[in-house]
N, C-alpha and C. Protein backbone atom coordinates (compact mmCIF):
# COMPACT_ATOMS: atom_id res chain seq x y z
N UNK A 1 -2.25 240.41 221.50
CA UNK A 1 -2.15 241.23 220.30
C UNK A 1 -0.69 241.33 219.83
N UNK A 2 0.20 241.55 220.77
CA UNK A 2 1.61 241.62 220.40
C UNK A 2 2.09 240.28 219.85
N UNK A 3 1.56 239.20 220.43
CA UNK A 3 1.95 237.87 219.99
C UNK A 3 1.54 237.62 218.54
N UNK A 4 0.35 238.07 218.18
CA UNK A 4 -0.12 237.91 216.80
C UNK A 4 0.72 238.75 215.84
N UNK A 5 1.04 239.96 216.23
CA UNK A 5 1.87 240.83 215.38
C UNK A 5 3.24 240.19 215.16
N UNK A 6 3.80 239.63 216.20
CA UNK A 6 5.11 238.99 216.10
C UNK A 6 5.05 237.79 215.15
N UNK A 7 3.99 236.99 215.27
CA UNK A 7 3.86 235.81 214.41
C UNK A 7 3.69 236.20 212.95
N UNK A 8 2.86 237.17 212.66
CA UNK A 8 2.64 237.55 211.26
C UNK A 8 3.89 238.19 210.66
N UNK A 9 4.55 239.01 211.44
CA UNK A 9 5.76 239.64 210.94
C UNK A 9 6.83 238.59 210.68
N UNK A 10 6.99 237.68 211.59
CA UNK A 10 7.98 236.62 211.43
C UNK A 10 7.63 235.70 210.27
N UNK A 11 6.35 235.45 210.08
CA UNK A 11 5.95 234.57 208.98
C UNK A 11 6.21 235.23 207.63
N UNK A 12 6.17 236.55 207.56
CA UNK A 12 6.51 237.24 206.31
C UNK A 12 8.02 237.32 206.10
N UNK A 13 8.75 237.43 207.17
CA UNK A 13 10.19 237.59 207.06
C UNK A 13 10.93 236.28 206.78
N UNK A 14 10.38 235.16 207.21
CA UNK A 14 11.06 233.88 207.00
C UNK A 14 11.33 233.60 205.53
N UNK A 15 10.34 233.71 204.64
CA UNK A 15 10.64 233.45 203.22
C UNK A 15 11.64 234.45 202.63
N UNK A 16 11.56 235.70 203.07
CA UNK A 16 12.51 236.69 202.56
C UNK A 16 13.93 236.39 203.01
N UNK A 17 14.08 235.99 204.25
CA UNK A 17 15.41 235.63 204.74
C UNK A 17 15.94 234.38 204.05
N UNK A 18 15.06 233.42 203.82
CA UNK A 18 15.47 232.21 203.11
C UNK A 18 15.92 232.54 201.69
N UNK A 19 15.16 233.39 201.02
CA UNK A 19 15.52 233.80 199.67
C UNK A 19 16.85 234.54 199.66
N UNK A 20 17.05 235.41 200.63
CA UNK A 20 18.31 236.14 200.73
C UNK A 20 19.49 235.20 200.94
N UNK A 21 19.31 234.22 201.81
CA UNK A 21 20.38 233.27 202.09
C UNK A 21 20.69 232.44 200.84
N UNK A 22 19.67 232.10 200.07
CA UNK A 22 19.90 231.31 198.86
C UNK A 22 20.54 232.12 197.74
N UNK A 23 20.23 233.40 197.65
CA UNK A 23 20.76 234.23 196.57
C UNK A 23 22.13 234.82 196.87
N UNK A 24 22.52 234.85 198.12
CA UNK A 24 23.79 235.47 198.49
C UNK A 24 25.00 234.83 197.81
N UNK A 25 25.14 233.52 197.78
CA UNK A 25 26.32 232.95 197.10
C UNK A 25 26.37 233.29 195.61
N UNK A 26 25.21 233.32 194.96
CA UNK A 26 25.20 233.65 193.53
C UNK A 26 25.59 235.10 193.30
N UNK A 27 25.12 235.97 194.17
CA UNK A 27 25.48 237.38 194.00
C UNK A 27 26.97 237.60 194.26
N UNK A 28 27.55 236.84 195.17
CA UNK A 28 28.99 236.96 195.40
C UNK A 28 29.78 236.45 194.21
N UNK A 29 29.30 235.40 193.55
CA UNK A 29 29.98 234.90 192.36
C UNK A 29 29.92 235.92 191.24
N UNK A 30 28.79 236.57 191.09
CA UNK A 30 28.65 237.59 190.04
C UNK A 30 29.54 238.78 190.37
N UNK A 31 29.57 239.19 191.62
CA UNK A 31 30.38 240.34 192.02
C UNK A 31 31.86 240.04 191.88
N UNK A 32 32.24 238.78 192.00
CA UNK A 32 33.65 238.41 191.88
C UNK A 32 34.19 238.73 190.49
N UNK A 33 33.32 238.65 189.48
CA UNK A 33 33.75 238.98 188.11
C UNK A 33 34.04 240.47 187.98
N UNK A 34 33.28 241.29 188.67
CA UNK A 34 33.43 242.74 188.54
C UNK A 34 34.47 243.31 189.49
N UNK A 35 34.57 242.73 190.66
CA UNK A 35 35.50 243.22 191.67
C UNK A 35 36.65 242.22 191.76
N UNK A 36 37.64 242.42 190.95
CA UNK A 36 38.77 241.49 190.98
C UNK A 36 40.06 242.29 190.92
N UNK A 37 41.06 241.80 191.61
CA UNK A 37 42.37 242.43 191.60
C UNK A 37 43.24 241.62 190.65
N UNK A 38 43.85 242.29 189.72
CA UNK A 38 44.67 241.57 188.75
C UNK A 38 45.90 240.98 189.43
N UNK A 39 46.45 239.96 188.80
CA UNK A 39 47.58 239.26 189.39
C UNK A 39 48.85 240.11 189.44
N UNK A 40 48.96 241.05 188.52
CA UNK A 40 50.19 241.84 188.43
C UNK A 40 50.04 243.25 189.02
N UNK A 41 49.15 243.40 190.01
CA UNK A 41 48.90 244.73 190.56
C UNK A 41 50.14 245.29 191.25
N UNK A 42 50.91 244.44 191.92
CA UNK A 42 52.09 244.94 192.62
C UNK A 42 53.17 245.36 191.63
N UNK A 43 53.28 244.62 190.52
CA UNK A 43 54.27 244.99 189.51
C UNK A 43 53.89 246.31 188.84
N UNK A 44 52.59 246.48 188.57
CA UNK A 44 52.16 247.74 187.94
C UNK A 44 52.37 248.92 188.88
N UNK A 45 52.09 248.72 190.18
CA UNK A 45 52.30 249.81 191.15
C UNK A 45 53.78 250.15 191.25
N UNK A 46 54.65 249.13 191.24
CA UNK A 46 56.09 249.37 191.29
C UNK A 46 56.55 250.13 190.06
N UNK A 47 56.01 249.77 188.89
CA UNK A 47 56.37 250.47 187.66
C UNK A 47 55.92 251.92 187.69
N UNK A 48 54.74 252.17 188.27
CA UNK A 48 54.27 253.55 188.37
C UNK A 48 55.18 254.37 189.27
N UNK A 49 55.59 253.78 190.41
CA UNK A 49 56.49 254.51 191.31
C UNK A 49 57.84 254.75 190.66
N UNK A 50 58.33 253.77 189.89
CA UNK A 50 59.60 253.95 189.18
C UNK A 50 59.50 255.08 188.17
N UNK A 51 58.35 255.15 187.48
CA UNK A 51 58.16 256.22 186.50
C UNK A 51 58.11 257.59 187.18
N UNK A 52 57.45 257.67 188.33
CA UNK A 52 57.39 258.94 189.07
C UNK A 52 58.79 259.36 189.50
N UNK A 53 59.57 258.41 190.02
CA UNK A 53 60.94 258.73 190.44
C UNK A 53 61.78 259.15 189.26
N UNK A 54 61.61 258.47 188.13
CA UNK A 54 62.37 258.82 186.93
C UNK A 54 62.02 260.22 186.44
N UNK A 55 60.72 260.56 186.50
CA UNK A 55 60.31 261.91 186.09
C UNK A 55 60.89 262.97 187.01
N UNK A 56 60.88 262.71 188.33
CA UNK A 56 61.45 263.67 189.26
C UNK A 56 62.95 263.81 189.05
N UNK A 57 63.60 262.67 188.80
CA UNK A 57 65.05 262.71 188.58
C UNK A 57 65.38 263.57 187.38
N UNK A 58 64.68 263.37 186.26
CA UNK A 58 64.98 264.16 185.05
C UNK A 58 64.61 265.62 185.27
N UNK A 59 63.51 265.87 186.02
CA UNK A 59 63.10 267.25 186.29
C UNK A 59 64.20 267.99 187.05
N UNK A 60 64.68 267.38 188.14
CA UNK A 60 65.71 268.04 188.94
C UNK A 60 67.04 268.11 188.21
N UNK A 61 67.35 267.09 187.41
CA UNK A 61 68.60 267.11 186.67
C UNK A 61 68.59 268.22 185.62
N UNK A 62 67.47 268.36 184.89
CA UNK A 62 67.37 269.42 183.89
C UNK A 62 67.39 270.80 184.54
N UNK A 63 66.72 270.93 185.68
CA UNK A 63 66.76 272.21 186.41
C UNK A 63 68.18 272.51 186.87
N UNK A 64 68.89 271.47 187.32
CA UNK A 64 70.28 271.66 187.74
C UNK A 64 71.15 272.13 186.60
N UNK A 65 70.96 271.55 185.41
CA UNK A 65 71.73 272.01 184.25
C UNK A 65 71.40 273.45 183.90
N UNK A 66 70.11 273.79 183.95
CA UNK A 66 69.71 275.17 183.65
C UNK A 66 70.34 276.15 184.64
N UNK A 67 70.27 275.81 185.93
CA UNK A 67 70.84 276.70 186.95
C UNK A 67 72.36 276.78 186.81
N UNK A 68 72.99 275.65 186.46
CA UNK A 68 74.44 275.66 186.29
C UNK A 68 74.84 276.55 185.11
N UNK A 69 74.09 276.47 184.02
CA UNK A 69 74.38 277.31 182.85
C UNK A 69 74.12 278.79 183.12
N UNK A 70 73.21 279.07 184.06
CA UNK A 70 72.91 280.46 184.40
C UNK A 70 73.86 280.99 185.47
N UNK A 71 74.73 280.16 185.96
CA UNK A 71 75.69 280.60 186.97
C UNK A 71 75.18 280.48 188.39
N UNK A 72 74.03 279.85 188.59
CA UNK A 72 73.47 279.67 189.93
C UNK A 72 73.94 278.31 190.46
N UNK A 73 75.20 278.27 190.87
CA UNK A 73 75.83 277.00 191.20
C UNK A 73 75.25 276.36 192.46
N UNK A 74 74.91 277.18 193.45
CA UNK A 74 74.38 276.64 194.70
C UNK A 74 73.06 275.90 194.45
N UNK A 75 72.17 276.55 193.71
CA UNK A 75 70.89 275.93 193.39
C UNK A 75 71.09 274.72 192.47
N UNK A 76 72.05 274.82 191.57
CA UNK A 76 72.32 273.70 190.65
C UNK A 76 72.75 272.46 191.43
N UNK A 77 73.62 272.63 192.41
CA UNK A 77 74.07 271.47 193.18
C UNK A 77 72.96 270.90 194.06
N UNK A 78 72.04 271.77 194.53
CA UNK A 78 70.88 271.27 195.27
C UNK A 78 70.02 270.39 194.36
N UNK A 79 69.82 270.88 193.12
CA UNK A 79 69.02 270.10 192.17
C UNK A 79 69.71 268.78 191.81
N UNK A 80 71.03 268.81 191.62
CA UNK A 80 71.75 267.58 191.31
C UNK A 80 71.67 266.59 192.47
N UNK A 81 71.71 267.10 193.69
CA UNK A 81 71.61 266.24 194.86
C UNK A 81 70.23 265.57 194.92
N UNK A 82 69.18 266.36 194.64
CA UNK A 82 67.83 265.78 194.63
C UNK A 82 67.69 264.75 193.51
N UNK A 83 68.26 265.03 192.36
CA UNK A 83 68.21 264.06 191.25
C UNK A 83 68.92 262.78 191.64
N UNK A 84 70.02 262.89 192.36
CA UNK A 84 70.76 261.71 192.79
C UNK A 84 69.96 260.92 193.81
N UNK A 85 69.23 261.60 194.71
CA UNK A 85 68.40 260.91 195.69
C UNK A 85 67.29 260.12 195.01
N UNK A 86 66.68 260.71 194.00
CA UNK A 86 65.60 260.01 193.31
C UNK A 86 66.10 258.84 192.48
N UNK A 87 67.34 258.86 192.07
CA UNK A 87 67.84 257.75 191.26
C UNK A 87 68.12 256.52 192.11
N UNK A 88 68.31 256.70 193.42
CA UNK A 88 68.61 255.56 194.29
C UNK A 88 67.39 254.67 194.44
N UNK A 89 66.18 255.29 194.60
CA UNK A 89 64.96 254.53 194.84
C UNK A 89 64.57 253.70 193.68
């Protein structure tokens, strides 16, 4: 009885496995169109990081100027130092 169950189950699965094996390359080709990494991904990521650093630099520099004008020299120099650190990267 177990032998018959095994044969019938295997006989049903063989065509399905064959179909799956035949369709797999085509599905990968179709998926390649949708899942693709652009050629300039590293340049775009670098530009994003540069923009973030530039925004932080201007933020700390403007805060430093505000603190300097308000007479808070210690905080102003901390802000200027942070702005200088962000400009190096």
